[in-house]
Amino acid sequence: MNRKLPVLIILYLSVCVCFSYGWSNDEKVLYEGDSLYHHIRVSEVDGYRYLSFNRMRGSQSAVNIENPFELKFSYTKASFVVPAFLQGDPKKILYVGLGGGSIPKLMAKHYPDAQIDVVEIDQGVVDAAQKYFFFKPTAKMKIIVMDGRKFLRRCRDKYDLIFLDAYDDRAIPFHLTTKEFFEIVKQKLAPGGVLASNVWGPSTDQFYRSEIKTYQQVFPNIYLIDAVSSSNYIIMADVNKNIMTKEILEKRMPALQKRFQFDFSLQTYAETFEDLSKQDIDADVLLDDFAPVEILRSQEATSK
């Protein structure tokens, strides 16, 4: 039976996703150099390879040399709760921002029939992912070197899953955080669509609060998943009439756990589900004319 699947747009905003790991004397630097947008460093420690745009701020991606499909960071693990917001398997997936490619690589493995587009602004990052992080585009995967907002504005497709993972070593590029940007993304949502983003930083961070407030200006439903052992949160927004609840989400976890066969529990992340749709947040809405991302990240929220 043919049925139209709801579309899930995941906006995965990795705000300077910096994960520290123990730098040791055994660290082996495989590559270090400047690209058009980043200072790229690839190093190897204790069986893992790390991608870093700023060594002092930790790493942006990691891969297990013996098991390239392992998810090392908690935010990547938490992100696999998001497919539970779909009513079926995604047909089209878009990633904006590649990093080491750990998430699209795993999604391609478990959703082999899905068309996957990856938009990455920096050719140097694409080269590093392919050479050092076991990222190999499949026959149904296309790599586009372009700014994510420009691509979304120009493309005519409506994706089942858009996963935006665009960041530099300090913060999200401001033009990917604003009300105007989310309105562009919303246009790419089919009925049943969902947008999700990864936000780094404590919940009292003023940028976090402004980002939630900005989502609320565009989308009727806003949800939150805590990445638990890190300072990351997965924020999801949608225009669905069928509102998600914690109970529904938790009931869908066993099927996802069976599909992915993870060695960690997705249920742990699903249990952190919060509905922020009606939460009153005292914060500024981020606009193209006002989006001081780095300043807001340095400010503690002083009110609810």
C-alpha atoms as a PDB file:
ATOM      1  CA  MET A   1       0.000   0.000   0.000  1.00  0.00           C
ATOM      2  CA  ASN A   2       1.385   3.384  -0.971  1.00  0.00           C
ATOM      3  CA  ARG A   3       1.078   6.036   1.668  1.00  0.00           C
ATOM      4  CA  LYS A   4       2.610   9.430   1.877  1.00  0.00           C
ATOM      5  CA  LEU A   5       5.115   9.649   4.673  1.00  0.00           C
ATOM      6  CA  PRO A   6       5.351  12.739   6.868  1.00  0.00           C
ATOM      7  CA  VAL A   7       8.450  14.712   6.254  1.00  0.00           C
ATOM      8  CA  LEU A   8      11.004  15.215   8.992  1.00  0.00           C
ATOM      9  CA  ILE A   9      13.343  18.150   8.664  1.00  0.00           C
ATOM     10  CA  ILE A  10      16.076  17.939  11.221  1.00  0.00           C
ATOM     11  CA  LEU A  11      17.978  21.112  11.710  1.00  0.00           C
ATOM     12  CA  TYR A  12      21.022  19.997  13.535  1.00  0.00           C
ATOM     13  CA  LEU A  13      22.798  23.082  14.816  1.00  0.00           C
ATOM     14  CA  SER A  14      26.037  21.986  16.395  1.00  0.00           C
ATOM     15  CA  VAL A  15      26.975  25.119  18.213  1.00  0.00           C
ATOM     16  CA  CYS A  16      30.679  24.693  18.533  1.00  0.00           C
ATOM     17  CA  VAL A  17      30.313  21.051  19.388  1.00  0.00           C
ATOM     18  CA  CYS A  18      33.512  20.801  21.329  1.00  0.00           C
ATOM     19  CA  PHE A  19      34.183  17.531  23.064  1.00  0.00           C
ATOM     20  CA  SER A  20      37.324  17.365  25.108  1.00  0.00           C
ATOM     21  CA  TYR A  21      39.245  14.183  25.251  1.00  0.00           C
ATOM     22  CA  GLY A  22      42.416  13.380  27.086  1.00  0.00           C
ATOM     23  CA  TRP A  23      45.285  14.731  25.042  1.00  0.00           C
ATOM     24  CA  SER A  24      48.201  12.384  25.659  1.00  0.00           C
ATOM     25  CA  ASN A  25      51.790  12.001  24.644  1.00  0.00           C
ATOM     26  CA  ASP A  26      50.603   9.164  22.405  1.00  0.00           C
ATOM     27  CA  GLU A  27      48.623  11.531  20.190  1.00  0.00           C
ATOM     28  CA  LYS A  28      49.539  11.156  16.542  1.00  0.00           C
ATOM     29  CA  VAL A  29      48.739  14.053  14.212  1.00  0.00           C
ATOM     30  CA  LEU A  30      47.690  12.698  10.823  1.00  0.00           C
ATOM     31  CA  TYR A  31      46.933  16.038   9.205  1.00  0.00           C
ATOM     32  CA  GLU A  32      46.936  19.727  10.075  1.00  0.00           C
ATOM     33  CA  GLY A  33      46.332  22.652   7.762  1.00  0.00           C
ATOM     34  CA  ASP A  34      44.124  25.592   6.846  1.00  0.00           C
ATOM     35  CA  SER A  35      41.142  25.274   4.539  1.00  0.00           C
ATOM     36  CA  LEU A  36      39.055  28.124   3.201  1.00  0.00           C
ATOM     37  CA  TYR A  37      36.909  28.188   6.378  1.00  0.00           C
ATOM     38  CA  HIS A  38      38.711  26.225   9.099  1.00  0.00           C
ATOM     39  CA  HIS A  39      41.994  25.201  10.607  1.00  0.00           C
ATOM     40  CA  ILE A  40      41.605  21.447  10.243  1.00  0.00           C
ATOM     41  CA  ARG A  41      43.429  19.035  12.519  1.00  0.00           C
ATOM     42  CA  VAL A  42      43.102  15.251  12.396  1.00  0.00           C
ATOM     43  CA  SER A  43      44.740  13.288  15.175  1.00  0.00           C
ATOM     44  CA  GLU A  44      44.709   9.758  16.529  1.00  0.00           C
ATOM     45  CA  VAL A  45      44.591   8.749  20.191  1.00  0.00           C
ATOM     46  CA  ASP A  46      43.881   5.360  21.767  1.00  0.00           C
ATOM     47  CA  GLY A  47      42.205   3.833  18.729  1.00  0.00           C
ATOM     48  CA  TYR A  48      40.116   6.896  17.789  1.00  0.00           C
ATOM     49  CA  ARG A  49      40.589   9.597  15.185  1.00  0.00           C
ATOM     50  CA  TYR A  50      39.451  13.113  16.027  1.00  0.00           C
ATOM     51  CA  LEU A  51      38.524  16.067  13.836  1.00  0.00           C
ATOM     52  CA  SER A  52      39.206  19.447  15.403  1.00  0.00           C
ATOM     53  CA  PHE A  53      38.855  23.013  14.214  1.00  0.00           C
ATOM     54  CA  ASN A  54      40.487  24.311  17.383  1.00  0.00           C
ATOM     55  CA  ARG A  55      42.574  21.935  19.512  1.00  0.00           C
ATOM     56  CA  MET A  56      42.043  23.966  22.671  1.00  0.00           C
ATOM     57  CA  ARG A  57      38.263  23.643  22.275  1.00  0.00           C
ATOM     58  CA  GLY A  58      38.210  19.884  21.831  1.00  0.00           C
ATOM     59  CA  SER A  59      36.992  17.946  18.818  1.00  0.00           C
ATOM     60  CA  GLN A  60      34.074  18.175  16.421  1.00  0.00           C
ATOM     61  CA  SER A  61      33.959  14.526  15.337  1.00  0.00           C
ATOM     62  CA  ALA A  62      35.464  11.163  16.219  1.00  0.00           C
ATOM     63  CA  VAL A  63      35.670   7.697  14.704  1.00  0.00           C
ATOM     64  CA  ASN A  64      36.651   4.317  16.105  1.00  0.00           C
ATOM     65  CA  ILE A  65      39.327   2.942  13.801  1.00  0.00           C
ATOM     66  CA  GLU A  66      38.211  -0.648  14.407  1.00  0.00           C
ATOM     67  CA  ASN A  67      34.472   0.082  14.309  1.00  0.00           C
ATOM     68  CA  PRO A  68      33.742   3.135  12.075  1.00  0.00           C
ATOM     69  CA  PHE A  69      29.990   2.946  12.809  1.00  0.00           C
ATOM     70  CA  GLU A  70      30.388   3.445  16.558  1.00  0.00           C
ATOM     71  CA  LEU A  71      28.954   6.698  17.934  1.00  0.00           C
ATOM     72  CA  LYS A  72      31.383   8.130  20.461  1.00  0.00           C
ATOM     73  CA  PHE A  73      29.770  11.432  21.421  1.00  0.00           C
ATOM     74  CA  SER A  74      26.532  11.636  23.376  1.00  0.00           C
ATOM     75  CA  TYR A  75      24.929  14.218  21.088  1.00  0.00           C
ATOM     76  CA  THR A  76      25.281  11.850  18.125  1.00  0.00           C
ATOM     77  CA  LYS A  77      23.665   9.090  20.172  1.00  0.00           C
ATOM     78  CA  ALA A  78      20.779  11.328  21.284  1.00  0.00           C
ATOM     79  CA  SER A  79      20.160  12.421  17.694  1.00  0.00           C
ATOM     80  CA  PHE A  80      18.991   8.923  16.780  1.00  0.00           C
ATOM     81  CA  VAL A  81      15.867   9.444  18.893  1.00  0.00           C
ATOM     82  CA  VAL A  82      14.692  11.871  16.203  1.00  0.00           C
ATOM     83  CA  PRO A  83      13.577   9.237  13.618  1.00  0.00           C
ATOM     84  CA  ALA A  84      10.885   8.274  16.134  1.00  0.00           C
ATOM     85  CA  PHE A  85       9.112  11.517  15.197  1.00  0.00           C
ATOM     86  CA  LEU A  86       8.483  10.083  11.726  1.00  0.00           C
ATOM     87  CA  GLN A  87       5.479   7.965  10.815  1.00  0.00           C
ATOM     88  CA  GLY A  88       7.642   5.876   8.492  1.00  0.00           C
ATOM     89  CA  ASP A  89      11.125   5.579   7.027  1.00  0.00           C
ATOM     90  CA  PRO A  90      12.580   8.737   5.478  1.00  0.00           C
ATOM     91  CA  LYS A  91      12.704   8.848   1.684  1.00  0.00           C
ATOM     92  CA  LYS A  92      14.882  11.961   1.355  1.00  0.00           C
ATOM     93  CA  ILE A  93      17.477  13.149   3.844  1.00  0.00           C
ATOM     94  CA  LEU A  94      19.504  16.355   3.825  1.00  0.00           C
ATOM     95  CA  TYR A  95      22.513  17.077   6.012  1.00  0.00           C
ATOM     96  CA  VAL A  96      23.878  20.610   6.128  1.00  0.00           C
ATOM     97  CA  GLY A  97      27.347  20.297   7.591  1.00  0.00           C
ATOM     98  CA  LEU A  98      29.390  17.110   7.389  1.00  0.00           C
ATOM     99  CA  GLY A  99      32.093  17.038  10.056  1.00  0.00           C
ATOM    100  CA  GLY A 100      33.512  13.519  10.092  1.00  0.00           C
ATOM    101  CA  GLY A 101      30.295  12.167   8.602  1.00  0.00           C
ATOM    102  CA  SER A 102      29.442   9.773  11.443  1.00  0.00           C
ATOM    103  CA  ILE A 103      25.680  10.443  11.439  1.00  0.00           C
ATOM    104  CA  PRO A 104      24.965  10.386   7.673  1.00  0.00           C
ATOM    105  CA  LYS A 105      27.207   7.329   7.369  1.00  0.00           C
ATOM    106  CA  LEU A 106      25.132   5.432   9.930  1.00  0.00           C
ATOM    107  CA  MET A 107      21.815   6.625   8.509  1.00  0.00           C
ATOM    108  CA  ALA A 108      22.851   5.451   5.037  1.00  0.00           C
ATOM    109  CA  LYS A 109      23.610   2.035   6.479  1.00  0.00           C
ATOM    110  CA  HIS A 110      20.239   1.618   8.186  1.00  0.00           C
ATOM    111  CA  TYR A 111      18.100   3.459   5.617  1.00  0.00           C
ATOM    112  CA  PRO A 112      19.739   2.204   2.404  1.00  0.00           C
ATOM    113  CA  ASP A 113      16.808   3.209   0.174  1.00  0.00           C
ATOM    114  CA  ALA A 114      16.862   6.843   1.268  1.00  0.00           C
ATOM    115  CA  GLN A 115      18.250   9.565  -0.980  1.00  0.00           C
ATOM    116  CA  ILE A 116      20.831  11.460   1.081  1.00  0.00           C
ATOM    117  CA  ASP A 117      22.197  14.892   0.181  1.00  0.00           C
ATOM    118  CA  VAL A 118      25.044  16.374   2.219  1.00  0.00           C
ATOM    119  CA  VAL A 119      25.717  20.101   1.966  1.00  0.00           C
ATOM    120  CA  GLU A 120      29.081  21.197   3.344  1.00  0.00           C
ATOM    121  CA  ILE A 121      30.530  24.668   2.854  1.00  0.00           C
ATOM    122  CA  ASP A 122      34.167  23.567   3.167  1.00  0.00           C
ATOM    123  CA  GLN A 123      35.769  21.237   0.618  1.00  0.00           C
ATOM    124  CA  GLY A 124      38.590  20.695   3.115  1.00  0.00           C
ATOM    125  CA  VAL A 125      36.154  19.097   5.578  1.00  0.00           C
ATOM    126  CA  VAL A 126      34.785  16.818   2.855  1.00  0.00           C
ATOM    127  CA  ASP A 127      38.326  15.737   1.956  1.00  0.00           C
ATOM    128  CA  ALA A 128      39.218  15.039   5.597  1.00  0.00           C
ATOM    129  CA  ALA A 129      36.057  13.002   6.207  1.00  0.00           C
ATOM    130  CA  GLN A 130      36.702  10.822   3.164  1.00  0.00           C
ATOM    131  CA  LYS A 131      40.427  10.357   3.765  1.00  0.00           C
ATOM    132  CA  TYR A 132      40.546   9.891   7.532  1.00  0.00           C
ATOM    133  CA  PHE A 133      37.046   9.120   8.871  1.00  0.00           C
ATOM    134  CA  PHE A 134      35.900   6.229   6.678  1.00  0.00           C
ATOM    135  CA  PHE A 135      33.217   8.367   5.079  1.00  0.00           C
ATOM    136  CA  LYS A 136      32.373   7.047   1.628  1.00  0.00           C
ATOM    137  CA  PRO A 137      29.335   8.382  -0.240  1.00  0.00           C
ATOM    138  CA  THR A 138      26.980   5.629  -1.340  1.00  0.00           C
ATOM    139  CA  ALA A 139      25.313   5.407  -4.744  1.00  0.00           C
ATOM    140  CA  LYS A 140      22.302   7.239  -3.282  1.00  0.00           C
ATOM    141  CA  MET A 141      24.339   9.961  -1.603  1.00  0.00           C
ATOM    142  CA  LYS A 142      25.301  13.313  -3.125  1.00  0.00           C
ATOM    143  CA  ILE A 143      27.848  15.793  -1.729  1.00  0.00           C
ATOM    144  CA  ILE A 144      27.224  19.484  -2.459  1.00  0.00           C
ATOM    145  CA  VAL A 145      29.895  22.051  -1.521  1.00  0.00           C
ATOM    146  CA  MET A 146      27.846  25.154  -0.724  1.00  0.00           C
ATOM    147  CA  ASP A 147      26.577  27.313   2.125  1.00  0.00           C
ATOM    148  CA  GLY A 148      23.608  25.614   3.785  1.00  0.00           C
ATOM    149  CA  ARG A 149      21.267  28.596   3.785  1.00  0.00           C
ATOM    150  CA  LYS A 150      21.966  29.320   0.136  1.00  0.00           C
ATOM    151  CA  PHE A 151      21.235  25.694  -0.731  1.00  0.00           C
ATOM    152  CA  LEU A 152      17.971  25.630   1.193  1.00  0.00           C
ATOM    153  CA  ARG A 153      16.856  28.858  -0.430  1.00  0.00           C
ATOM    154  CA  ARG A 154      17.554  27.526  -3.904  1.00  0.00           C
ATOM    155  CA  CYS A 155      16.509  23.882  -3.668  1.00  0.00           C
ATOM    156  CA  ARG A 156      13.033  22.787  -4.678  1.00  0.00           C
ATOM    157  CA  ASP A 157      12.988  19.488  -2.804  1.00  0.00           C
ATOM    158  CA  LYS A 158      11.066  18.797   0.371  1.00  0.00           C
ATOM    159  CA  TYR A 159      13.124  16.397   2.447  1.00  0.00           C
ATOM    160  CA  ASP A 160      11.979  13.749   4.855  1.00  0.00           C
ATOM    161  CA  LEU A 161      14.958  14.550   7.034  1.00  0.00           C
ATOM    162  CA  ILE A 162      17.152  17.645   7.073  1.00  0.00           C
ATOM    163  CA  PHE A 163      20.012  17.436   9.496  1.00  0.00           C
ATOM    164  CA  LEU A 164      21.933  20.690   9.843  1.00  0.00           C
ATOM    165  CA  ASP A 165      25.304  20.224  11.498  1.00  0.00           C
ATOM    166  CA  ALA A 166      27.027  23.476  10.577  1.00  0.00           C
ATOM    167  CA  TYR A 167      29.425  25.196  12.954  1.00  0.00           C
ATOM    168  CA  ASP A 168      32.891  26.641  13.308  1.00  0.00           C
ATOM    169  CA  ASP A 169      35.218  26.334  16.286  1.00  0.00           C
ATOM    170  CA  ARG A 170      33.380  28.965  18.347  1.00  0.00           C
ATOM    171  CA  ALA A 171      29.692  29.156  17.444  1.00  0.00           C
ATOM    172  CA  ILE A 172      26.979  28.494  14.895  1.00  0.00           C
ATOM    173  CA  PRO A 173      27.255  30.805  11.887  1.00  0.00           C
ATOM    174  CA  PHE A 174      24.692  33.455  12.832  1.00  0.00           C
ATOM    175  CA  HIS A 175      22.771  33.251   9.540  1.00  0.00           C
ATOM    176  CA  LEU A 176      21.774  29.683  10.466  1.00  0.00           C
ATOM    177  CA  THR A 177      20.161  30.737  13.760  1.00  0.00           C
ATOM    178  CA  THR A 178      17.649  33.419  12.796  1.00  0.00           C
ATOM    179  CA  LYS A 179      13.897  33.656  12.391  1.00  0.00           C
ATOM    180  CA  GLU A 180      14.335  34.371   8.688  1.00  0.00           C
ATOM    181  CA  PHE A 181      16.455  31.241   8.280  1.00  0.00           C
ATOM    182  CA  PHE A 182      13.936  29.012  10.053  1.00  0.00           C
ATOM    183  CA  GLU A 183      11.203  30.406   7.824  1.00  0.00           C
ATOM    184  CA  ILE A 184      13.233  29.255   4.822  1.00  0.00           C
ATOM    185  CA  VAL A 185      13.609  25.797   6.377  1.00  0.00           C
ATOM    186  CA  LYS A 186       9.898  25.650   7.183  1.00  0.00           C
ATOM    187  CA  GLN A 187       9.132  26.050   3.485  1.00  0.00           C
ATOM    188  CA  LYS A 188      10.947  22.764   2.891  1.00  0.00           C
ATOM    189  CA  LEU A 189       8.676  20.901   5.299  1.00  0.00           C
ATOM    190  CA  ALA A 190       6.014  18.664   3.861  1.00  0.00           C
ATOM    191  CA  PRO A 191       2.922  17.910   5.955  1.00  0.00           C
ATOM    192  CA  GLY A 192       4.077  16.194   9.122  1.00  0.00           C
ATOM    193  CA  GLY A 193       7.527  17.745   8.902  1.00  0.00           C
ATOM    194  CA  VAL A 194       9.885  18.132  11.858  1.00  0.00           C
ATOM    195  CA  LEU A 195      12.953  20.292  12.326  1.00  0.00           C
ATOM    196  CA  ALA A 196      15.653  19.439  14.871  1.00  0.00           C
ATOM    197  CA  SER A 197      18.841  21.133  15.968  1.00  0.00           C
ATOM    198  CA  ASN A 198      21.709  20.334  18.246  1.00  0.00           C
ATOM    199  CA  VAL A 199      22.504  23.219  20.591  1.00  0.00           C
ATOM    200  CA  TRP A 200      25.659  23.198  22.662  1.00  0.00           C
ATOM    201  CA  GLY A 201      25.743  24.866  26.048  1.00  0.00           C
ATOM    202  CA  PRO A 202      23.845  24.909  29.356  1.00  0.00           C
ATOM    203  CA  SER A 203      20.115  25.573  29.384  1.00  0.00           C
ATOM    204  CA  THR A 204      20.765  28.826  31.242  1.00  0.00           C
ATOM    205  CA  ASP A 205      22.865  30.108  28.368  1.00  0.00           C
ATOM    206  CA  GLN A 206      21.206  33.181  26.856  1.00  0.00           C
ATOM    207  CA  PHE A 207      21.813  31.982  23.297  1.00  0.00           C
ATOM    208  CA  TYR A 208      20.006  28.737  24.088  1.00  0.00           C
ATOM    209  CA  ARG A 209      17.023  30.715  25.376  1.00  0.00           C
ATOM    210  CA  SER A 210      17.030  33.074  22.400  1.00  0.00           C
ATOM    211  CA  GLU A 211      17.188  30.139  20.016  1.00  0.00           C
ATOM    212  CA  ILE A 212      14.172  28.479  21.649  1.00  0.00           C
ATOM    213  CA  LYS A 213      12.311  31.798  21.542  1.00  0.00           C
ATOM    214  CA  THR A 214      13.159  32.113  17.846  1.00  0.00           C
ATOM    215  CA  TYR A 215      11.845  28.625  17.104  1.00  0.00           C
ATOM    216  CA  GLN A 216       8.610  29.517  18.871  1.00  0.00           C
ATOM    217  CA  GLN A 217       8.125  32.426  16.475  1.00  0.00           C
ATOM    218  CA  VAL A 218       8.074  30.058  13.495  1.00  0.00           C
ATOM    219  CA  PHE A 219       6.845  26.644  14.679  1.00  0.00           C
ATOM    220  CA  PRO A 220       3.836  25.678  16.825  1.00  0.00           C
ATOM    221  CA  ASN A 221       5.482  22.646  18.466  1.00  0.00           C
ATOM    222  CA  ILE A 222       8.914  22.723  20.131  1.00  0.00           C
ATOM    223  CA  TYR A 223      10.464  19.678  21.833  1.00  0.00           C
ATOM    224  CA  LEU A 224      13.711  19.006  23.665  1.00  0.00           C
ATOM    225  CA  ILE A 225      15.935  15.950  24.185  1.00  0.00           C
ATOM    226  CA  ASP A 226      18.874  16.151  26.588  1.00  0.00           C
ATOM    227  CA  ALA A 227      22.095  14.483  25.410  1.00  0.00           C
ATOM    228  CA  VAL A 228      22.567  13.603  29.102  1.00  0.00           C
ATOM    229  CA  SER A 229      26.326  13.202  29.548  1.00  0.00           C
ATOM    230  CA  SER A 230      27.274  16.338  27.638  1.00  0.00           C
ATOM    231  CA  SER A 231      26.139  19.958  27.443  1.00  0.00           C
ATOM    232  CA  ASN A 232      24.132  19.318  24.294  1.00  0.00           C
ATOM    233  CA  TYR A 233      20.412  19.399  23.633  1.00  0.00           C
ATOM    234  CA  ILE A 234      18.494  18.241  20.593  1.00  0.00           C
ATOM    235  CA  ILE A 235      15.775  20.783  19.868  1.00  0.00           C
ATOM    236  CA  MET A 236      12.954  19.718  17.567  1.00  0.00           C
ATOM    237  CA  ALA A 237      10.260  21.853  15.993  1.00  0.00           C
ATOM    238  CA  ASP A 238       7.374  20.873  13.764  1.00  0.00           C
ATOM    239  CA  VAL A 239       4.041  21.835  12.271  1.00  0.00           C
ATOM    240  CA  ASN A 240       2.382  18.495  13.005  1.00  0.00           C
ATOM    241  CA  LYS A 241      -1.226  18.328  14.071  1.00  0.00           C
ATOM    242  CA  ASN A 242      -0.427  15.128  15.961  1.00  0.00           C
ATOM    243  CA  ILE A 243       1.502  16.462  18.936  1.00  0.00           C
ATOM    244  CA  MET A 244       4.312  14.253  20.269  1.00  0.00           C
ATOM    245  CA  THR A 245       4.283  13.210  23.927  1.00  0.00           C
ATOM    246  CA  LYS A 246       6.862  11.523  26.111  1.00  0.00           C
ATOM    247  CA  GLU A 247       4.698   8.414  26.329  1.00  0.00           C
ATOM    248  CA  ILE A 248       4.384   8.066  22.549  1.00  0.00           C
ATOM    249  CA  LEU A 249       8.091   8.659  22.070  1.00  0.00           C
ATOM    250  CA  GLU A 250       9.105   6.049  24.618  1.00  0.00           C
ATOM    251  CA  LYS A 251       6.793   3.470  23.041  1.00  0.00           C
ATOM    252  CA  ARG A 252       8.602   3.920  19.714  1.00  0.00           C
ATOM    253  CA  MET A 253      12.071   3.376  21.153  1.00  0.00           C
ATOM    254  CA  PRO A 254      12.129  -0.466  21.087  1.00  0.00           C
ATOM    255  CA  ALA A 255      11.606  -0.513  17.307  1.00  0.00           C
ATOM    256  CA  LEU A 256      14.417   1.986  16.772  1.00  0.00           C
ATOM    257  CA  GLN A 257      16.681   0.123  19.183  1.00  0.00           C
ATOM    258  CA  LYS A 258      16.082  -3.051  17.209  1.00  0.00           C
ATOM    259  CA  ARG A 259      16.790  -1.345  13.887  1.00  0.00           C
ATOM    260  CA  PHE A 260      20.076   0.255  14.907  1.00  0.00           C
ATOM    261  CA  GLN A 261      21.298  -2.428  17.345  1.00  0.00           C
ATOM    262  CA  PHE A 262      23.123   0.171  19.414  1.00  0.00           C
ATOM    263  CA  ASP A 263      25.225  -0.847  22.419  1.00  0.00           C
ATOM    264  CA  PHE A 264      23.589   2.004  24.353  1.00  0.00           C
ATOM    265  CA  SER A 265      19.954   2.651  25.251  1.00  0.00           C
ATOM    266  CA  LEU A 266      17.966   5.113  23.163  1.00  0.00           C
ATOM    267  CA  GLN A 267      15.346   4.966  25.918  1.00  0.00           C
ATOM    268  CA  THR A 268      17.743   6.880  28.186  1.00  0.00           C
ATOM    269  CA  TYR A 269      17.554   9.866  25.871  1.00  0.00           C
ATOM    270  CA  ALA A 270      13.834   9.560  25.164  1.00  0.00           C
ATOM    271  CA  GLU A 271      13.144   9.788  28.902  1.00  0.00           C
ATOM    272  CA  THR A 272      14.489  13.361  28.903  1.00  0.00           C
ATOM    273  CA  PHE A 273      11.781  14.551  26.471  1.00  0.00           C
ATOM    274  CA  GLU A 274      10.261  17.966  27.230  1.00  0.00           C
ATOM    275  CA  ASP A 275       7.547  19.938  25.463  1.00  0.00           C
ATOM    276  CA  LEU A 276       8.623  23.591  25.219  1.00  0.00           C
ATOM    277  CA  SER A 277       5.826  24.697  22.919  1.00  0.00           C
ATOM    278  CA  LYS A 278       4.024  26.869  25.483  1.00  0.00           C
ATOM    279  CA  GLN A 279       6.949  27.714  27.737  1.00  0.00           C
ATOM    280  CA  ASP A 280       7.237  31.439  28.383  1.00  0.00           C
ATOM    281  CA  ILE A 281      10.816  32.462  27.635  1.00  0.00           C
ATOM    282  CA  ASP A 282      12.169  35.933  28.325  1.00  0.00           C
ATOM    283  CA  ALA A 283      14.748  36.309  25.546  1.00  0.00           C
ATOM    284  CA  ASP A 284      15.409  38.174  22.329  1.00  0.00           C
ATOM    285  CA  VAL A 285      14.336  36.662  19.018  1.00  0.00           C
ATOM    286  CA  LEU A 286      17.312  36.192  16.702  1.00  0.00           C
ATOM    287  CA  LEU A 287      16.948  38.069  13.426  1.00  0.00           C
ATOM    288  CA  ASP A 288      19.136  38.579  10.393  1.00  0.00           C
ATOM    289  CA  ASP A 289      19.664  42.109  11.737  1.00  0.00           C
ATOM    290  CA  PHE A 290      20.258  40.918  15.304  1.00  0.00           C
ATOM    291  CA  ALA A 291      21.981  37.616  16.012  1.00  0.00           C
ATOM    292  CA  PRO A 292      24.959  38.124  18.375  1.00  0.00           C
ATOM    293  CA  VAL A 293      25.503  34.392  18.796  1.00  0.00           C
ATOM    294  CA  GLU A 294      28.907  34.467  20.482  1.00  0.00           C
ATOM    295  CA  ILE A 295      27.937  37.252  22.896  1.00  0.00           C
ATOM    296  CA  LEU A 296      24.712  35.506  23.912  1.00  0.00           C
ATOM    297  CA  ARG A 297      26.575  32.252  24.501  1.00  0.00           C
ATOM    298  CA  SER A 298      28.736  34.042  27.057  1.00  0.00           C
ATOM    299  CA  GLN A 299      25.751  35.458  28.970  1.00  0.00           C
ATOM    300  CA  GLU A 300      23.830  33.628  31.655  1.00  0.00           C
ATOM    301  CA  ALA A 301      20.060  33.893  31.520  1.00  0.00           C
ATOM    302  CA  THR A 302      18.745  35.944  34.406  1.00  0.00           C
ATOM    303  CA  SER A 303      15.047  35.106  34.129  1.00  0.00           C
ATOM    304  CA  LYS A 304      12.710  32.408  32.945  1.00  0.00           C
END
